Amino acid sequence: MVEKTAEGEEVHPAEEQGIEPEPKSSEEEKQEMEEGEMEEDVYSEEGREKLEEDAEIEPWEEGYMEGAEHKGEQGMCAHCRKVLDQEKDTIIEKEIKGRVLWFCSDECAKKGPRFKVEG
């Protein structure tokens, strides 16, 4: 049944109009995951953290998904394109033209990125 205004116009729910609800905060998502109201999702930072914490995914899988989701070049070595594990002590950082790039080894860092760095 479709609701109508006093003037007789149809009123449709927000989701039918393509209006998305306000995004939940990181803390709200974590709370809902803890309470079992929301599934852990490898495509969200909070979900990846929870899955790794529960030993359902390995740290390298979390790093891979992080790179695949939005960090792109920061999830892979800028030279050999190897997926980086997210442990800061194993990543070599090098600033080139004002951008910080990540490398898997000193050797790759010395060779530099395989792509043109715009500064």
PDB file of N, CA and C in Angstrom:
ATOM      1  N   MET A   1       0.841  -1.181   0.000  1.00  0.00           N
ATOM      2  CA  MET A   1       0.000   0.000   0.000  1.00  0.00           C
ATOM      3  C   MET A   1       0.888   1.247   0.000  1.00  0.00           C
ATOM      4  N   VAL A   2       0.620   2.161  -0.880  1.00  0.00           N
ATOM      5  CA  VAL A   2       1.397   3.392  -1.017  1.00  0.00           C
ATOM      6  C   VAL A   2       0.741   4.484  -0.191  1.00  0.00           C
ATOM      7  N   GLU A   3       1.562   5.174   0.600  1.00  0.00           N
ATOM      8  CA  GLU A   3       1.039   6.296   1.389  1.00  0.00           C
ATOM      9  C   GLU A   3       0.823   7.499   0.481  1.00  0.00           C
ATOM     10  N   LYS A   4      -0.075   8.374   0.901  1.00  0.00           N
ATOM     11  CA  LYS A   4      -0.348   9.575   0.110  1.00  0.00           C
ATOM     12  C   LYS A   4      -0.352  10.796   1.021  1.00  0.00           C
ATOM     13  N   THR A   5       0.047  11.931   0.435  1.00  0.00           N
ATOM     14  CA  THR A   5       0.010  13.187   1.163  1.00  0.00           C
ATOM     15  C   THR A   5      -1.415  13.696   1.200  1.00  0.00           C
ATOM     16  N   ALA A   6      -1.642  14.773   1.938  1.00  0.00           N
ATOM     17  CA  ALA A   6      -2.977  15.376   2.011  1.00  0.00           C
ATOM     18  C   ALA A   6      -3.450  15.811   0.624  1.00  0.00           C
ATOM     19  N   GLU A   7      -2.506  16.135  -0.263  1.00  0.00           N
ATOM     20  CA  GLU A   7      -2.853  16.565  -1.619  1.00  0.00           C
ATOM     21  C   GLU A   7      -3.054  15.380  -2.562  1.00  0.00           C
ATOM     22  N   GLY A   8      -2.852  14.154  -2.057  1.00  0.00           N
ATOM     23  CA  GLY A   8      -3.058  12.967  -2.880  1.00  0.00           C
ATOM     24  C   GLY A   8      -1.826  12.468  -3.608  1.00  0.00           C
ATOM     25  N   GLU A   9      -0.666  13.083  -3.359  1.00  0.00           N
ATOM     26  CA  GLU A   9       0.565  12.635  -4.009  1.00  0.00           C
ATOM     27  C   GLU A   9       1.105  11.403  -3.288  1.00  0.00           C
ATOM     28  N   GLU A  10       1.660  10.481  -4.081  1.00  0.00           N
ATOM     29  CA  GLU A  10       2.227   9.273  -3.495  1.00  0.00           C
ATOM     30  C   GLU A  10       3.521   9.583  -2.758  1.00  0.00           C
ATOM     31  N   VAL A  11       3.712   8.925  -1.629  1.00  0.00           N
ATOM     32  CA  VAL A  11       4.927   9.079  -0.835  1.00  0.00           C
ATOM     33  C   VAL A  11       5.624   7.721  -0.806  1.00  0.00           C
ATOM     34  N   HIS A  12       6.840   7.677  -1.284  1.00  0.00           N
ATOM     35  CA  HIS A  12       7.602   6.431  -1.330  1.00  0.00           C
ATOM     36  C   HIS A  12       8.725   6.467  -0.283  1.00  0.00           C
ATOM     37  N   PRO A  13       9.044   5.304   0.295  1.00  0.00           N
ATOM     38  CA  PRO A  13      10.134   5.263   1.273  1.00  0.00           C
ATOM     39  C   PRO A  13      11.449   5.747   0.658  1.00  0.00           C
ATOM     40  N   ALA A  14      12.330   6.245   1.503  1.00  0.00           N
ATOM     41  CA  ALA A  14      13.600   6.801   1.049  1.00  0.00           C
ATOM     42  C   ALA A  14      14.385   5.811   0.192  1.00  0.00           C
ATOM     43  N   GLU A  15      14.426   4.523   0.607  1.00  0.00           N
ATOM     44  CA  GLU A  15      15.220   3.553  -0.155  1.00  0.00           C
ATOM     45  C   GLU A  15      14.675   3.341  -1.567  1.00  0.00           C
ATOM     46  N   GLU A  16      13.383   3.507  -1.760  1.00  0.00           N
ATOM     47  CA  GLU A  16      12.801   3.390  -3.098  1.00  0.00           C
ATOM     48  C   GLU A  16      13.147   4.603  -3.959  1.00  0.00           C
ATOM     49  N   GLN A  17      13.495   5.698  -3.321  1.00  0.00           N
ATOM     50  CA  GLN A  17      13.835   6.922  -4.044  1.00  0.00           C
ATOM     51  C   GLN A  17      15.334   7.018  -4.304  1.00  0.00           C
ATOM     52  N   GLY A  18      16.069   6.003  -3.867  1.00  0.00           N
ATOM     53  CA  GLY A  18      17.517   6.015  -4.058  1.00  0.00           C
ATOM     54  C   GLY A  18      18.239   6.824  -2.999  1.00  0.00           C
ATOM     55  N   ILE A  19      17.546   7.187  -1.943  1.00  0.00           N
ATOM     56  CA  ILE A  19      18.163   7.937  -0.848  1.00  0.00           C
ATOM     57  C   ILE A  19      18.737   6.927   0.135  1.00  0.00           C
ATOM     58  N   GLU A  20      20.043   6.967   0.306  1.00  0.00           N
ATOM     59  CA  GLU A  20      20.695   6.016   1.195  1.00  0.00           C
ATOM     60  C   GLU A  20      20.732   6.579   2.614  1.00  0.00           C
ATOM     61  N   PRO A  21      20.648   5.693   3.607  1.00  0.00           N
ATOM     62  CA  PRO A  21      20.720   6.155   4.987  1.00  0.00           C
ATOM     63  C   PRO A  21      22.107   6.717   5.309  1.00  0.00           C
ATOM     64  N   GLU A  22      22.172   7.527   6.355  1.00  0.00           N
ATOM     65  CA  GLU A  22      23.452   8.076   6.789  1.00  0.00           C
ATOM     66  C   GLU A  22      24.395   6.929   7.118  1.00  0.00           C
ATOM     67  N   PRO A  23      25.661   7.008   6.694  1.00  0.00           N
ATOM     68  CA  PRO A  23      26.597   5.929   7.013  1.00  0.00           C
ATOM     69  C   PRO A  23      26.829   5.834   8.518  1.00  0.00           C
ATOM     70  N   LYS A  24      27.031   4.612   8.991  1.00  0.00           N
ATOM     71  CA  LYS A  24      27.286   4.395  10.409  1.00  0.00           C
ATOM     72  C   LYS A  24      28.725   4.767  10.728  1.00  0.00           C
ATOM     73  N   SER A  25      28.940   5.187  11.959  1.00  0.00           N
ATOM     74  CA  SER A  25      30.301   5.506  12.379  1.00  0.00           C
ATOM     75  C   SER A  25      31.070   4.210  12.566  1.00  0.00           C
ATOM     76  N   SER A  26      32.372   4.329  12.585  1.00  0.00           N
ATOM     77  CA  SER A  26      33.244   3.169  12.799  1.00  0.00           C
ATOM     78  C   SER A  26      32.907   2.468  14.101  1.00  0.00           C
ATOM     79  N   GLU A  27      32.662   3.237  15.142  1.00  0.00           N
ATOM     80  CA  GLU A  27      32.335   2.655  16.443  1.00  0.00           C
ATOM     81  C   GLU A  27      30.997   1.928  16.421  1.00  0.00           C
ATOM     82  N   GLU A  28      30.005   2.492  15.709  1.00  0.00           N
ATOM     83  CA  GLU A  28      28.704   1.836  15.591  1.00  0.00           C
ATOM     84  C   GLU A  28      28.832   0.498  14.870  1.00  0.00           C
ATOM     85  N   GLU A  29      29.642   0.476  13.790  1.00  0.00           N
ATOM     86  CA  GLU A  29      29.846  -0.767  13.047  1.00  0.00           C
ATOM     87  C   GLU A  29      30.524  -1.815  13.921  1.00  0.00           C
ATOM     88  N   LYS A  30      31.565  -1.410  14.653  1.00  0.00           N
ATOM     89  CA  LYS A  30      32.271  -2.351  15.527  1.00  0.00           C
ATOM     90  C   LYS A  30      31.327  -2.924  16.577  1.00  0.00           C
ATOM     91  N   GLN A  31      30.500  -2.068  17.159  1.00  0.00           N
ATOM     92  CA  GLN A  31      29.548  -2.500  18.188  1.00  0.00           C
ATOM     93  C   GLN A  31      28.553  -3.507  17.613  1.00  0.00           C
ATOM     94  N   GLU A  32      28.019  -3.216  16.428  1.00  0.00           N
ATOM     95  CA  GLU A  32      27.057  -4.122  15.805  1.00  0.00           C
ATOM     96  C   GLU A  32      27.700  -5.464  15.461  1.00  0.00           C
ATOM     97  N   MET A  33      28.974  -5.458  15.060  1.00  0.00           N
ATOM     98  CA  MET A  33      29.679  -6.707  14.783  1.00  0.00           C
ATOM     99  C   MET A  33      29.867  -7.517  16.068  1.00  0.00           C
ATOM    100  N   GLU A  34      30.216  -6.822  17.144  1.00  0.00           N
ATOM    101  CA  GLU A  34      30.401  -7.494  18.433  1.00  0.00           C
ATOM    102  C   GLU A  34      29.102  -8.135  18.911  1.00  0.00           C
ATOM    103  N   GLU A  35      27.989  -7.456  18.693  1.00  0.00           N
ATOM    104  CA  GLU A  35      26.691  -7.944  19.150  1.00  0.00           C
ATOM    105  C   GLU A  35      26.057  -8.937  18.180  1.00  0.00           C
ATOM    106  N   GLY A  36      26.723  -9.176  17.041  1.00  0.00           N
ATOM    107  CA  GLY A  36      26.193 -10.122  16.064  1.00  0.00           C
ATOM    108  C   GLY A  36      25.085  -9.571  15.202  1.00  0.00           C
ATOM    109  N   GLU A  37      24.863  -8.257  15.240  1.00  0.00           N
ATOM    110  CA  GLU A  37      23.812  -7.641  14.438  1.00  0.00           C
ATOM    111  C   GLU A  37      24.283  -7.340  13.022  1.00  0.00           C
ATOM    112  N   MET A  38      25.603  -7.374  12.825  1.00  0.00           N
ATOM    113  CA  MET A  38      26.176  -7.048  11.521  1.00  0.00           C
ATOM    114  C   MET A  38      27.275  -8.053  11.223  1.00  0.00           C
ATOM    115  N   GLU A  39      27.318  -8.560   9.979  1.00  0.00           N
ATOM    116  CA  GLU A  39      28.351  -9.495   9.569  1.00  0.00           C
ATOM    117  C   GLU A  39      29.674  -8.754   9.370  1.00  0.00           C
ATOM    118  N   GLU A  40      30.779  -9.411   9.713  1.00  0.00           N
ATOM    119  CA  GLU A  40      32.082  -8.854   9.409  1.00  0.00           C
ATOM    120  C   GLU A  40      32.249  -8.865   7.894  1.00  0.00           C
ATOM    121  N   ASP A  41      32.851  -7.817   7.376  1.00  0.00           N
ATOM    122  CA  ASP A  41      32.972  -7.654   5.934  1.00  0.00           C
ATOM    123  C   ASP A  41      34.417  -7.341   5.585  1.00  0.00           C
ATOM    124  N   VAL A  42      35.031  -8.140   4.719  1.00  0.00           N
ATOM    125  CA  VAL A  42      36.425  -7.893   4.351  1.00  0.00           C
ATOM    126  C   VAL A  42      36.602  -6.593   3.586  1.00  0.00           C
ATOM    127  N   TYR A  43      35.509  -6.003   3.134  1.00  0.00           N
ATOM    128  CA  TYR A  43      35.592  -4.772   2.357  1.00  0.00           C
ATOM    129  C   TYR A  43      35.515  -3.513   3.211  1.00  0.00           C
ATOM    130  N   SER A  44      35.436  -3.669   4.541  1.00  0.00           N
ATOM    131  CA  SER A  44      35.473  -2.497   5.416  1.00  0.00           C
ATOM    132  C   SER A  44      36.629  -2.669   6.394  1.00  0.00           C
ATOM    133  N   GLU A  45      37.238  -1.565   6.766  1.00  0.00           N
ATOM    134  CA  GLU A  45      38.377  -1.623   7.684  1.00  0.00           C
ATOM    135  C   GLU A  45      37.982  -2.283   8.998  1.00  0.00           C
ATOM    136  N   GLU A  46      36.808  -1.936   9.525  1.00  0.00           N
ATOM    137  CA  GLU A  46      36.348  -2.498  10.789  1.00  0.00           C
ATOM    138  C   GLU A  46      36.123  -4.011  10.668  1.00  0.00           C
ATOM    139  N   GLY A  47      35.541  -4.410   9.551  1.00  0.00           N
ATOM    140  CA  GLY A  47      35.282  -5.834   9.326  1.00  0.00           C
ATOM    141  C   GLY A  47      36.568  -6.635   9.208  1.00  0.00           C
ATOM    142  N   ARG A  48      37.539  -6.083   8.469  1.00  0.00           N
ATOM    143  CA  ARG A  48      38.838  -6.769   8.323  1.00  0.00           C
ATOM    144  C   ARG A  48      39.513  -6.927   9.669  1.00  0.00           C
ATOM    145  N   GLU A  49      39.484  -5.856  10.483  1.00  0.00           N
ATOM    146  CA  GLU A  49      40.116  -5.920  11.805  1.00  0.00           C
ATOM    147  C   GLU A  49      39.458  -6.999  12.662  1.00  0.00           C
ATOM    148  N   LYS A  50      38.120  -7.056  12.630  1.00  0.00           N
ATOM    149  CA  LYS A  50      37.393  -8.044  13.426  1.00  0.00           C
ATOM    150  C   LYS A  50      37.688  -9.461  12.939  1.00  0.00           C
ATOM    151  N   LEU A  51      37.717  -9.664  11.629  1.00  0.00           N
ATOM    152  CA  LEU A  51      38.004 -10.987  11.083  1.00  0.00           C
ATOM    153  C   LEU A  51      39.417 -11.437  11.450  1.00  0.00           C
ATOM    154  N   GLU A  52      40.379 -10.508  11.393  1.00  0.00           N
ATOM    155  CA  GLU A  52      41.745 -10.878  11.767  1.00  0.00           C
ATOM    156  C   GLU A  52      41.816 -11.160  13.270  1.00  0.00           C
ATOM    157  N   GLU A  53      41.164 -10.327  14.064  1.00  0.00           N
ATOM    158  CA  GLU A  53      41.135 -10.507  15.518  1.00  0.00           C
ATOM    159  C   GLU A  53      40.561 -11.883  15.888  1.00  0.00           C
ATOM    160  N   ASP A  54      39.528 -12.311  15.163  1.00  0.00           N
ATOM    161  CA  ASP A  54      38.892 -13.606  15.410  1.00  0.00           C
ATOM    162  C   ASP A  54      39.621 -14.750  14.701  1.00  0.00           C
ATOM    163  N   ALA A  55      40.770 -14.458  14.093  1.00  0.00           N
ATOM    164  CA  ALA A  55      41.591 -15.439  13.361  1.00  0.00           C
ATOM    165  C   ALA A  55      40.825 -16.087  12.212  1.00  0.00           C
ATOM    166  N   GLU A  56      39.914 -15.344  11.591  1.00  0.00           N
ATOM    167  CA  GLU A  56      39.183 -15.859  10.437  1.00  0.00           C
ATOM    168  C   GLU A  56      39.889 -15.515   9.132  1.00  0.00           C
ATOM    169  N   ILE A  57      40.762 -14.492   9.161  1.00  0.00           N
ATOM    170  CA  ILE A  57      41.621 -14.201   8.017  1.00  0.00           C
ATOM    171  C   ILE A  57      43.024 -13.950   8.546  1.00  0.00           C
ATOM    172  N   GLU A  58      44.010 -14.152   7.691  1.00  0.00           N
ATOM    173  CA  GLU A  58      45.409 -13.934   8.044  1.00  0.00           C
ATOM    174  C   GLU A  58      45.769 -12.459   7.852  1.00  0.00           C
ATOM    175  N   PRO A  59      46.815 -11.988   8.536  1.00  0.00           N
ATOM    176  CA  PRO A  59      47.223 -10.585   8.365  1.00  0.00           C
ATOM    177  C   PRO A  59      47.492 -10.213   6.909  1.00  0.00           C
ATOM    178  N   TRP A  60      48.099 -11.138   6.135  1.00  0.00           N
ATOM    179  CA  TRP A  60      48.381 -10.804   4.733  1.00  0.00           C
ATOM    180  C   TRP A  60      47.096 -10.635   3.937  1.00  0.00           C
ATOM    181  N   GLU A  61      46.035 -11.391   4.307  1.00  0.00           N
ATOM    182  CA  GLU A  61      44.756 -11.246   3.615  1.00  0.00           C
ATOM    183  C   GLU A  61      44.137  -9.885   3.920  1.00  0.00           C
ATOM    184  N   GLU A  62      44.282  -9.452   5.170  1.00  0.00           N
ATOM    185  CA  GLU A  62      43.781  -8.128   5.533  1.00  0.00           C
ATOM    186  C   GLU A  62      44.510  -7.063   4.723  1.00  0.00           C
ATOM    187  N   GLY A  63      45.835  -7.202   4.618  1.00  0.00           N
ATOM    188  CA  GLY A  63      46.630  -6.250   3.845  1.00  0.00           C
ATOM    189  C   GLY A  63      46.236  -6.234   2.380  1.00  0.00           C
ATOM    190  N   TYR A  64      45.992  -7.416   1.833  1.00  0.00           N
ATOM    191  CA  TYR A  64      45.584  -7.509   0.432  1.00  0.00           C
ATOM    192  C   TYR A  64      44.254  -6.789   0.209  1.00  0.00           C
ATOM    193  N   MET A  65      43.275  -7.065   1.082  1.00  0.00           N
ATOM    194  CA  MET A  65      41.963  -6.442   0.924  1.00  0.00           C
ATOM    195  C   MET A  65      42.040  -4.933   1.128  1.00  0.00           C
ATOM    196  N   GLU A  66      42.888  -4.511   2.044  1.00  0.00           N
ATOM    197  CA  GLU A  66      43.048  -3.069   2.259  1.00  0.00           C
ATOM    198  C   GLU A  66      43.567  -2.416   0.993  1.00  0.00           C
ATOM    199  N   GLY A  67      44.549  -3.058   0.365  1.00  0.00           N
ATOM    200  CA  GLY A  67      45.093  -2.524  -0.882  1.00  0.00           C
ATOM    201  C   GLY A  67      44.070  -2.559  -1.997  1.00  0.00           C
ATOM    202  N   ALA A  68      43.298  -3.625  -2.065  1.00  0.00           N
ATOM    203  CA  ALA A  68      42.290  -3.760  -3.109  1.00  0.00           C
ATOM    204  C   ALA A  68      41.157  -2.764  -2.918  1.00  0.00           C
ATOM    205  N   GLU A  69      40.855  -2.443  -1.658  1.00  0.00           N
ATOM    206  CA  GLU A  69      39.717  -1.572  -1.400  1.00  0.00           C
ATOM    207  C   GLU A  69      39.992  -0.124  -1.781  1.00  0.00           C
ATOM    208  N   HIS A  70      41.001   0.473  -1.181  1.00  0.00           N
ATOM    209  CA  HIS A  70      41.164   1.906  -1.445  1.00  0.00           C
ATOM    210  C   HIS A  70      42.588   2.407  -1.344  1.00  0.00           C
ATOM    211  N   LYS A  71      43.471   1.642  -0.802  1.00  0.00           N
ATOM    212  CA  LYS A  71      44.812   2.174  -0.619  1.00  0.00           C
ATOM    213  C   LYS A  71      45.691   1.893  -1.820  1.00  0.00           C
ATOM    214  N   GLY A  72      45.249   1.016  -2.699  1.00  0.00           N
ATOM    215  CA  GLY A  72      45.910   0.767  -3.962  1.00  0.00           C
ATOM    216  C   GLY A  72      47.404   0.602  -3.863  1.00  0.00           C
ATOM    217  N   GLU A  73      48.141   1.629  -4.263  1.00  0.00           N
ATOM    218  CA  GLU A  73      49.590   1.553  -4.303  1.00  0.00           C
ATOM    219  C   GLU A  73      50.190   1.306  -2.925  1.00  0.00           C
ATOM    220  N   GLN A  74      49.530   1.749  -1.869  1.00  0.00           N
ATOM    221  CA  GLN A  74      50.062   1.542  -0.528  1.00  0.00           C
ATOM    222  C   GLN A  74      49.907   0.091  -0.082  1.00  0.00           C
ATOM    223  N   GLY A  75      49.104  -0.702  -0.763  1.00  0.00           N
ATOM    224  CA  GLY A  75      48.932  -2.107  -0.418  1.00  0.00           C
ATOM    225  C   GLY A  75      49.899  -3.003  -1.167  1.00  0.00           C
ATOM    226  N   MET A  76      50.651  -2.411  -2.110  1.00  0.00           N
ATOM    227  CA  MET A  76      51.567  -3.188  -2.933  1.00  0.00           C
ATOM    228  C   MET A  76      52.903  -2.466  -3.036  1.00  0.00           C
ATOM    229  N   CYS A  77      53.951  -3.262  -3.255  1.00  0.00           N
ATOM    230  CA  CYS A  77      55.283  -2.690  -3.472  1.00  0.00           C
ATOM    231  C   CYS A  77      55.221  -1.832  -4.737  1.00  0.00           C
ATOM    232  N   ALA A  78      55.750  -0.617  -4.657  1.00  0.00           N
ATOM    233  CA  ALA A  78      55.703   0.305  -5.791  1.00  0.00           C
ATOM    234  C   ALA A  78      56.588  -0.154  -6.950  1.00  0.00           C
ATOM    235  N   HIS A  79      57.492  -1.104  -6.687  1.00  0.00           N
ATOM    236  CA  HIS A  79      58.336  -1.602  -7.768  1.00  0.00           C
ATOM    237  C   HIS A  79      57.858  -2.940  -8.316  1.00  0.00           C
ATOM    238  N   CYS A  80      57.817  -3.981  -7.465  1.00  0.00           N
ATOM    239  CA  CYS A  80      57.511  -5.332  -7.967  1.00  0.00           C
ATOM    240  C   CYS A  80      56.035  -5.687  -7.871  1.00  0.00           C
ATOM    241  N   ARG A  81      55.216  -4.836  -7.248  1.00  0.00           N
ATOM    242  CA  ARG A  81      53.770  -5.005  -7.106  1.00  0.00           C
ATOM    243  C   ARG A  81      53.386  -6.150  -6.177  1.00  0.00           C
ATOM    244  N   LYS A  82      54.339  -6.642  -5.382  1.00  0.00           N
ATOM    245  CA  LYS A  82      54.056  -7.676  -4.384  1.00  0.00           C
ATOM    246  C   LYS A  82      53.133  -7.088  -3.317  1.00  0.00           C
ATOM    247  N   VAL A  83      52.132  -7.888  -2.879  1.00  0.00           N
ATOM    248  CA  VAL A  83      51.238  -7.442  -1.819  1.00  0.00           C
ATOM    249  C   VAL A  83      52.050  -7.331  -0.537  1.00  0.00           C
ATOM    250  N   LEU A  84      51.944  -6.178   0.116  1.00  0.00           N
ATOM    251  CA  LEU A  84      52.707  -5.939   1.338  1.00  0.00           C
ATOM    252  C   LEU A  84      51.917  -6.381   2.555  1.00  0.00           C
ATOM    253  N   ASP A  85      52.617  -6.976   3.513  1.00  0.00           N
ATOM    254  CA  ASP A  85      51.924  -7.223   4.767  1.00  0.00           C
ATOM    255  C   ASP A  85      51.941  -5.882   5.492  1.00  0.00           C
ATOM    256  N   GLN A  86      51.019  -5.656   6.351  1.00  0.00           N
ATOM    257  CA  GLN A  86      50.820  -4.330   6.910  1.00  0.00           C
ATOM    258  C   GLN A  86      51.651  -4.047   8.158  1.00  0.00           C
ATOM    259  N   GLU A  87      52.648  -4.880   8.423  1.00  0.00           N
ATOM    260  CA  GLU A  87      53.551  -4.626   9.545  1.00  0.00           C
ATOM    261  C   GLU A  87      54.516  -3.516   9.134  1.00  0.00           C
ATOM    262  N   LYS A  88      54.459  -2.407   9.823  1.00  0.00           N
ATOM    263  CA  LYS A  88      55.274  -1.244   9.466  1.00  0.00           C
ATOM    264  C   LYS A  88      56.770  -1.547   9.462  1.00  0.00           C
ATOM    265  N   ASP A  89      57.228  -2.484  10.307  1.00  0.00           N
ATOM    266  CA  ASP A  89      58.666  -2.735  10.381  1.00  0.00           C
ATOM    267  C   ASP A  89      59.190  -3.541   9.192  1.00  0.00           C
ATOM    268  N   THR A  90      58.315  -4.081   8.341  1.00  0.00           N
ATOM    269  CA  THR A  90      58.765  -4.824   7.164  1.00  0.00           C
ATOM    270  C   THR A  90      58.615  -4.021   5.883  1.00  0.00           C
ATOM    271  N   ILE A  91      58.044  -2.838   5.979  1.00  0.00           N
ATOM    272  CA  ILE A  91      57.801  -2.004   4.804  1.00  0.00           C
ATOM    273  C   ILE A  91      58.874  -0.910   4.733  1.00  0.00           C
ATOM    274  N   ILE A  92      59.418  -0.730   3.549  1.00  0.00           N
ATOM    275  CA  ILE A  92      60.393   0.344   3.313  1.00  0.00           C
ATOM    276  C   ILE A  92      59.637   1.515   2.708  1.00  0.00           C
ATOM    277  N   GLU A  93      59.683   2.668   3.375  1.00  0.00           N
ATOM    278  CA  GLU A  93      59.028   3.869   2.865  1.00  0.00           C
ATOM    279  C   GLU A  93      60.066   4.775   2.228  1.00  0.00           C
ATOM    280  N   LYS A  94      59.702   5.366   1.097  1.00  0.00           N
ATOM    281  CA  LYS A  94      60.603   6.283   0.410  1.00  0.00           C
ATOM    282  C   LYS A  94      59.769   7.426  -0.148  1.00  0.00           C
ATOM    283  N   GLU A  95      60.183   8.650   0.139  1.00  0.00           N
ATOM    284  CA  GLU A  95      59.453   9.805  -0.371  1.00  0.00           C
ATOM    285  C   GLU A  95      60.035  10.210  -1.717  1.00  0.00           C
ATOM    286  N   ILE A  96      59.151  10.310  -2.713  1.00  0.00           N
ATOM    287  CA  ILE A  96      59.553  10.713  -4.056  1.00  0.00           C
ATOM    288  C   ILE A  96      58.575  11.778  -4.522  1.00  0.00           C
ATOM    289  N   LYS A  97      59.108  12.947  -4.835  1.00  0.00           N
ATOM    290  CA  LYS A  97      58.290  14.082  -5.310  1.00  0.00           C
ATOM    291  C   LYS A  97      57.118  14.373  -4.376  1.00  0.00           C
ATOM    292  N   GLY A  98      57.365  14.303  -3.073  1.00  0.00           N
ATOM    293  CA  GLY A  98      56.351  14.634  -2.088  1.00  0.00           C
ATOM    294  C   GLY A  98      55.365  13.521  -1.766  1.00  0.00           C
ATOM    295  N   ARG A  99      55.491  12.378  -2.411  1.00  0.00           N
ATOM    296  CA  ARG A  99      54.614  11.229  -2.137  1.00  0.00           C
ATOM    297  C   ARG A  99      55.402  10.146  -1.424  1.00  0.00           C
ATOM    298  N   VAL A 100      54.795   9.550  -0.416  1.00  0.00           N
ATOM    299  CA  VAL A 100      55.428   8.447   0.289  1.00  0.00           C
ATOM    300  C   VAL A 100      55.004   7.155  -0.386  1.00  0.00           C
ATOM    301  N   LEU A 101      55.986   6.406  -0.876  1.00  0.00           N
ATOM    302  CA  LEU A 101      55.727   5.134  -1.541  1.00  0.00           C
ATOM    303  C   LEU A 101      56.240   4.006  -0.668  1.00  0.00           C
ATOM    304  N   TRP A 102      55.599   2.834  -0.781  1.00  0.00           N
ATOM    305  CA  TRP A 102      55.987   1.675   0.011  1.00  0.00           C
ATOM    306  C   TRP A 102      56.650   0.637  -0.886  1.00  0.00           C
ATOM    307  N   PHE A 103      57.679   0.012  -0.337  1.00  0.00           N
ATOM    308  CA  PHE A 103      58.416  -1.027  -1.043  1.00  0.00           C
ATOM    309  C   PHE A 103      58.574  -2.234  -0.130  1.00  0.00           C
ATOM    310  N   CYS A 104      58.718  -3.419  -0.740  1.00  0.00           N
ATOM    311  CA  CYS A 104      58.834  -4.649   0.043  1.00  0.00           C
ATOM    312  C   CYS A 104      60.261  -4.903   0.509  1.00  0.00           C
ATOM    313  N   SER A 105      61.254  -4.248  -0.116  1.00  0.00           N
ATOM    314  CA  SER A 105      62.650  -4.489   0.243  1.00  0.00           C
ATOM    315  C   SER A 105      63.500  -3.277  -0.106  1.00  0.00           C
ATOM    316  N   ASP A 106      64.722  -3.252   0.450  1.00  0.00           N
ATOM    317  CA  ASP A 106      65.663  -2.182   0.113  1.00  0.00           C
ATOM    318  C   ASP A 106      66.000  -2.224  -1.376  1.00  0.00           C
ATOM    319  N   GLU A 107      66.104  -3.437  -1.912  1.00  0.00           N
ATOM    320  CA  GLU A 107      66.432  -3.605  -3.324  1.00  0.00           C
ATOM    321  C   GLU A 107      65.380  -2.948  -4.216  1.00  0.00           C
ATOM    322  N   CYS A 108      64.102  -3.193  -3.923  1.00  0.00           N
ATOM    323  CA  CYS A 108      63.027  -2.577  -4.714  1.00  0.00           C
ATOM    324  C   CYS A 108      62.998  -1.057  -4.503  1.00  0.00           C
ATOM    325  N   ALA A 109      63.267  -0.616  -3.281  1.00  0.00           N
ATOM    326  CA  ALA A 109      63.284   0.823  -3.005  1.00  0.00           C
ATOM    327  C   ALA A 109      64.383   1.518  -3.806  1.00  0.00           C
ATOM    328  N   LYS A 110      65.545   0.853  -3.939  1.00  0.00           N
ATOM    329  CA  LYS A 110      66.649   1.428  -4.726  1.00  0.00           C
ATOM    330  C   LYS A 110      66.297   1.506  -6.203  1.00  0.00           C
ATOM    331  N   LYS A 111      65.555   0.512  -6.695  1.00  0.00           N
ATOM    332  CA  LYS A 111      65.147   0.505  -8.109  1.00  0.00           C
ATOM    333  C   LYS A 111      64.072   1.545  -8.383  1.00  0.00           C
ATOM    334  N   GLY A 112      63.275   1.856  -7.360  1.00  0.00           N
ATOM    335  CA  GLY A 112      62.239   2.873  -7.500  1.00  0.00           C
ATOM    336  C   GLY A 112      60.938   2.327  -8.048  1.00  0.00           C
ATOM    337  N   PRO A 113      59.941   3.198  -8.150  1.00  0.00           N
ATOM    338  CA  PRO A 113      58.623   2.756  -8.604  1.00  0.00           C
ATOM    339  C   PRO A 113      58.601   2.433 -10.098  1.00  0.00           C
ATOM    340  N   ARG A 114      57.691   1.578 -10.476  1.00  0.00           N
ATOM    341  CA  ARG A 114      57.536   1.210 -11.898  1.00  0.00           C
ATOM    342  C   ARG A 114      56.597   2.167 -12.615  1.00  0.00           C
ATOM    343  N   PHE A 115      56.069   3.137 -11.911  1.00  0.00           N
ATOM    344  CA  PHE A 115      55.141   4.080 -12.527  1.00  0.00           C
ATOM    345  C   PHE A 115      55.700   5.484 -12.352  1.00  0.00           C
ATOM    346  N   LYS A 116      55.216   6.393 -13.178  1.00  0.00           N
ATOM    347  CA  LYS A 116      55.646   7.784 -13.115  1.00  0.00           C
ATOM    348  C   LYS A 116      55.028   8.445 -11.888  1.00  0.00           C
ATOM    349  N   VAL A 117      55.867   9.080 -11.083  1.00  0.00           N
ATOM    350  CA  VAL A 117      55.381   9.762  -9.891  1.00  0.00           C
ATOM    351  C   VAL A 117      55.202  11.232 -10.219  1.00  0.00           C
ATOM    352  N   GLU A 118      53.975  11.706 -10.051  1.00  0.00           N
ATOM    353  CA  GLU A 118      53.662  13.111 -10.288  1.00  0.00           C
ATOM    354  C   GLU A 118      53.793  13.850  -8.966  1.00  0.00           C
ATOM    355  N   GLY A 119      54.395  14.996  -8.966  1.00  0.00           N
ATOM    356  CA  GLY A 119      54.595  15.706  -7.706  1.00  0.00           C
ATOM    357  C   GLY A 119      54.031  17.060  -7.652  1.00  0.00           C
TER     358      GLY A 119
END
